[in-house]
N, C-alpha and C. Protein backbone atom coordinates (compact mmCIF):
# COMPACT_ATOMS: atom_id res chain seq x y z
N MET A 1 -49.46 49.44 -15.23
CA MET A 1 -49.96 50.61 -16.03
C MET A 1 -50.69 50.43 -16.94
N SER A 2 -51.92 50.77 -17.32
CA SER A 2 -52.74 50.41 -18.28
C SER A 2 -54.01 51.68 -18.75
N ALA A 3 -53.54 52.34 -20.18
CA ALA A 3 -54.21 53.49 -20.18
C ALA A 3 -55.91 52.72 -20.66
N LYS A 4 -56.04 51.62 -20.95
CA LYS A 4 -57.49 50.81 -21.10
C LYS A 4 -58.14 51.15 -19.61
N ALA A 5 -57.44 50.29 -18.99
CA ALA A 5 -58.46 50.18 -17.64
C ALA A 5 -58.09 51.93 -16.62
N GLY A 6 -57.04 52.81 -17.18
CA GLY A 6 -56.51 53.83 -16.38
C GLY A 6 -55.75 53.78 -15.51
N ASP A 7 -55.03 52.34 -15.02
CA ASP A 7 -54.50 52.38 -14.02
C ASP A 7 -53.33 53.01 -14.22
N GLN A 8 -53.21 54.02 -13.16
CA GLN A 8 -51.40 54.68 -13.08
C GLN A 8 -51.53 55.55 -14.36
N VAL A 9 -52.06 56.24 -14.73
CA VAL A 9 -52.30 57.09 -15.52
C VAL A 9 -51.79 58.27 -15.34
N SER A 10 -52.57 58.48 -14.24
CA SER A 10 -52.57 59.83 -13.65
C SER A 10 -51.11 59.99 -13.35
N LEU A 11 -50.67 58.90 -12.96
CA LEU A 11 -49.39 58.97 -12.40
C LEU A 11 -48.03 59.02 -13.27
N LEU A 12 -47.98 58.22 -14.24
CA LEU A 12 -47.48 58.59 -15.68
C LEU A 12 -47.66 59.78 -16.29
N GLU A 13 -48.60 60.63 -15.97
CA GLU A 13 -49.20 61.90 -16.36
C GLU A 13 -48.24 63.19 -15.68
N GLU A 14 -48.36 62.60 -14.22
CA GLU A 14 -47.60 63.62 -13.70
C GLU A 14 -45.46 63.78 -13.41
N LEU A 15 -45.38 62.36 -13.44
CA LEU A 15 -43.91 62.25 -14.24
C LEU A 15 -43.36 62.85 -15.43
N LEU A 16 -44.26 62.75 -16.47
CA LEU A 16 -43.76 63.16 -17.67
C LEU A 16 -44.28 64.73 -17.91
N VAL A 17 -44.91 65.14 -17.18
CA VAL A 17 -44.86 66.82 -17.19
C VAL A 17 -44.03 67.21 -16.49
N GLY A 18 -43.53 66.76 -15.37
CA GLY A 18 -42.21 67.10 -14.29
C GLY A 18 -41.18 67.27 -15.43
N LEU A 19 -41.48 66.29 -16.43
CA LEU A 19 -40.09 66.33 -17.55
C LEU A 19 -39.89 67.14 -18.46
N LEU A 20 -41.13 67.70 -18.79
CA LEU A 20 -41.31 68.80 -19.75
C LEU A 20 -40.71 70.29 -19.57
N PRO A 21 -40.02 70.79 -20.55
CA PRO A 21 -39.66 72.01 -20.28
C PRO A 21 -40.74 72.90 -20.29
N GLU A 22 -40.76 74.19 -20.01
CA GLU A 22 -41.86 75.62 -19.99
C GLU A 22 -41.33 75.71 -21.23
N GLY A 23 -42.37 76.22 -22.37
CA GLY A 23 -42.29 77.00 -23.50
C GLY A 23 -42.81 78.41 -23.26
N PRO A 24 -42.93 79.07 -24.39
CA PRO A 24 -43.34 80.10 -24.28
C PRO A 24 -45.07 80.20 -24.23
N GLN A 25 -45.36 80.98 -24.23
CA GLN A 25 -47.12 81.21 -24.10
C GLN A 25 -47.59 81.21 -25.74
N LEU A 26 -47.85 80.32 -26.31
CA LEU A 26 -48.75 80.46 -27.37
C LEU A 26 -50.18 81.27 -27.91
N TYR A 27 -51.00 81.30 -26.83
CA TYR A 27 -51.89 81.91 -26.80
C TYR A 27 -52.30 82.90 -25.74
N PRO A 28 -52.67 83.83 -26.17
CA PRO A 28 -53.27 84.87 -25.23
C PRO A 28 -54.14 84.01 -23.69
N GLU A 29 -53.89 84.63 -22.46
CA GLU A 29 -54.68 84.13 -21.48
C GLU A 29 -55.80 83.57 -21.04
N GLY A 30 -56.51 82.70 -21.43
CA GLY A 30 -57.53 82.11 -21.38
C GLY A 30 -58.31 81.53 -22.77
N ASP A 31 -57.03 81.36 -23.41
CA ASP A 31 -57.67 81.24 -25.19
C ASP A 31 -57.35 80.05 -25.32
N LEU A 32 -57.73 78.98 -25.75
CA LEU A 32 -57.15 77.26 -25.69
C LEU A 32 -56.89 77.15 -27.09
N THR A 33 -57.12 77.90 -28.20
CA THR A 33 -56.95 77.35 -29.38
C THR A 33 -57.27 79.03 -30.35
N ASP A 34 -56.53 78.42 -31.30
CA ASP A 34 -56.73 79.81 -32.42
C ASP A 34 -57.47 79.00 -33.44
N ALA A 35 -58.12 77.72 -33.14
CA ALA A 35 -59.45 77.52 -34.53
C ALA A 35 -60.53 78.06 -34.03
N PRO A 36 -61.67 79.05 -34.86
CA PRO A 36 -63.05 79.07 -34.49
C PRO A 36 -63.91 78.37 -33.52
N GLU A 37 -64.52 78.66 -33.21
CA GLU A 37 -65.57 77.76 -32.27
C GLU A 37 -66.60 76.96 -33.26
N GLY A 38 -66.87 77.24 -34.22
CA GLY A 38 -67.71 76.90 -35.06
C GLY A 38 -67.20 75.61 -35.80
N SER A 39 -65.62 75.44 -35.65
CA SER A 39 -64.97 74.25 -36.55
C SER A 39 -64.71 73.14 -35.74
N TRP A 40 -65.25 73.37 -34.23
CA TRP A 40 -65.25 72.64 -32.89
C TRP A 40 -66.36 71.44 -33.80
N SER A 41 -65.63 70.11 -33.01
CA SER A 41 -66.51 68.97 -33.33
C SER A 41 -67.26 68.93 -32.39
N ARG A 42 -68.42 67.94 -32.60
CA ARG A 42 -69.16 68.29 -31.18
C ARG A 42 -69.21 66.33 -31.42
N SER A 43 -69.31 66.02 -29.92
CA SER A 43 -69.33 64.46 -30.12
C SER A 43 -70.41 64.31 -28.87
């Protein structure tokens, strides 16, 4: 596995996500953050 090369990163993600408990919904449907759009970093 290598994060730098991207080898098997998606497999690790699938395994870890499968182990996480489902928590409460923190934001309304469709919202990704509570930060105002003007504060987003532009890269």
